[in-house]
Amino acid sequence: MKPDRELVAEALGDLHKGEPIERAVGRILRRYGGKYTDYVRIMGDVRELARQEKITSMDAARRLAQA
């Protein structure tokens, strides 16, 4: 499976109109055979960055994808 950063970047590129990042990450993980624990880990990182920086989950995902 791809590294977390690449999965988040792919999820951002595959967003549907009005879709939250959580749903896109879940879809991409299922595509690559990821498990729920992978989803929890990735979204935990996204939410933690969003909380620390006081930004949205979408913006946090963009930052993580660029890191």
C-alpha atoms as a PDB file:
ATOM      1  CA  MET A   1       0.000   0.000   0.000  1.00  0.00           C
ATOM      2  CA  LYS A   2       1.111   3.562  -0.635  1.00  0.00           C
ATOM      3  CA  PRO A   3       2.480   5.845   2.109  1.00  0.00           C
ATOM      4  CA  ASP A   4      -0.089   7.892   4.056  1.00  0.00           C
ATOM      5  CA  ARG A   5       0.980  11.152   2.415  1.00  0.00           C
ATOM      6  CA  GLU A   6       0.356   9.742  -1.063  1.00  0.00           C
ATOM      7  CA  LEU A   7      -3.023   8.310  -0.043  1.00  0.00           C
ATOM      8  CA  VAL A   8      -4.139  11.685   1.310  1.00  0.00           C
ATOM      9  CA  ALA A   9      -2.912  13.424  -1.832  1.00  0.00           C
ATOM     10  CA  GLU A  10      -4.828  10.963  -4.002  1.00  0.00           C
ATOM     11  CA  ALA A  11      -7.952  11.438  -1.875  1.00  0.00           C
ATOM     12  CA  LEU A  12      -7.691  15.203  -2.355  1.00  0.00           C
ATOM     13  CA  GLY A  13      -7.389  14.732  -6.103  1.00  0.00           C
ATOM     14  CA  ASP A  14     -10.364  12.365  -6.181  1.00  0.00           C
ATOM     15  CA  LEU A  15     -12.795  14.475  -4.142  1.00  0.00           C
ATOM     16  CA  HIS A  16     -16.360  14.588  -5.374  1.00  0.00           C
ATOM     17  CA  LYS A  17     -18.325  17.835  -5.244  1.00  0.00           C
ATOM     18  CA  GLY A  18     -19.228  18.678  -1.664  1.00  0.00           C
ATOM     19  CA  GLU A  19     -17.592  15.528  -0.296  1.00  0.00           C
ATOM     20  CA  PRO A  20     -15.741  15.621   3.041  1.00  0.00           C
ATOM     21  CA  ILE A  21     -12.124  14.517   3.126  1.00  0.00           C
ATOM     22  CA  GLU A  22     -13.051  11.676   5.475  1.00  0.00           C
ATOM     23  CA  ARG A  23     -15.184   9.974   2.840  1.00  0.00           C
ATOM     24  CA  ALA A  24     -12.555  10.437   0.123  1.00  0.00           C
ATOM     25  CA  VAL A  25      -9.809   8.967   2.310  1.00  0.00           C
ATOM     26  CA  GLY A  26     -12.033   5.992   3.126  1.00  0.00           C
ATOM     27  CA  ARG A  27     -12.724   5.365  -0.563  1.00  0.00           C
ATOM     28  CA  ILE A  28      -9.043   5.543  -1.502  1.00  0.00           C
ATOM     29  CA  LEU A  29      -8.081   3.207   1.336  1.00  0.00           C
ATOM     30  CA  ARG A  30     -10.670   0.653   0.246  1.00  0.00           C
ATOM     31  CA  ARG A  31      -9.337   0.899  -3.304  1.00  0.00           C
ATOM     32  CA  TYR A  32      -5.880  -0.121  -2.097  1.00  0.00           C
ATOM     33  CA  GLY A  33      -7.043  -2.723   0.399  1.00  0.00           C
ATOM     34  CA  GLY A  34      -6.451  -0.601   3.482  1.00  0.00           C
ATOM     35  CA  LYS A  35      -7.991  -1.474   6.804  1.00  0.00           C
ATOM     36  CA  TYR A  36     -10.084   0.555   9.218  1.00  0.00           C
ATOM     37  CA  THR A  37      -7.041   0.956  11.464  1.00  0.00           C
ATOM     38  CA  ASP A  38      -5.244   2.666   8.549  1.00  0.00           C
ATOM     39  CA  TYR A  39      -8.197   5.044   8.171  1.00  0.00           C
ATOM     40  CA  VAL A  40      -8.228   5.832  11.889  1.00  0.00           C
ATOM     41  CA  ARG A  41      -4.472   6.514  11.883  1.00  0.00           C
ATOM     42  CA  ILE A  42      -4.574   8.797   8.827  1.00  0.00           C
ATOM     43  CA  MET A  43      -7.660  10.708   9.903  1.00  0.00           C
ATOM     44  CA  GLY A  44      -6.250  11.005  13.422  1.00  0.00           C
ATOM     45  CA  ASP A  45      -3.191  12.732  11.963  1.00  0.00           C
ATOM     46  CA  VAL A  46      -5.378  15.021   9.826  1.00  0.00           C
ATOM     47  CA  ARG A  47      -7.653  15.954  12.727  1.00  0.00           C
ATOM     48  CA  GLU A  48      -4.754  16.490  15.123  1.00  0.00           C
ATOM     49  CA  LEU A  49      -3.082  18.914  12.702  1.00  0.00           C
ATOM     50  CA  ALA A  50      -6.420  20.667  12.131  1.00  0.00           C
ATOM     51  CA  ARG A  51      -6.910  21.055  15.881  1.00  0.00           C
ATOM     52  CA  GLN A  52      -3.362  22.273  16.535  1.00  0.00           C
ATOM     53  CA  GLU A  53      -3.358  24.784  13.682  1.00  0.00           C
ATOM     54  CA  LYS A  54      -7.049  25.732  14.066  1.00  0.00           C
ATOM     55  CA  ILE A  55      -7.764  24.951  10.426  1.00  0.00           C
ATOM     56  CA  THR A  56     -10.303  22.739   8.648  1.00  0.00           C
ATOM     57  CA  SER A  57      -9.738  19.038   8.065  1.00  0.00           C
ATOM     58  CA  MET A  58      -9.531  19.756   4.340  1.00  0.00           C
ATOM     59  CA  ASP A  59      -6.742  22.309   4.845  1.00  0.00           C
ATOM     60  CA  ALA A  60      -4.934  19.961   7.222  1.00  0.00           C
ATOM     61  CA  ALA A  61      -5.109  17.174   4.628  1.00  0.00           C
ATOM     62  CA  ARG A  62      -3.639  19.514   2.018  1.00  0.00           C
ATOM     63  CA  ARG A  63      -0.748  20.345   4.338  1.00  0.00           C
ATOM     64  CA  LEU A  64      -0.095  16.693   5.122  1.00  0.00           C
ATOM     65  CA  ALA A  65      -0.148  15.826   1.426  1.00  0.00           C
ATOM     66  CA  GLN A  66       2.505  18.475   0.753  1.00  0.00           C
ATOM     67  CA  ALA A  67       4.755  17.510   3.683  1.00  0.00           C
END
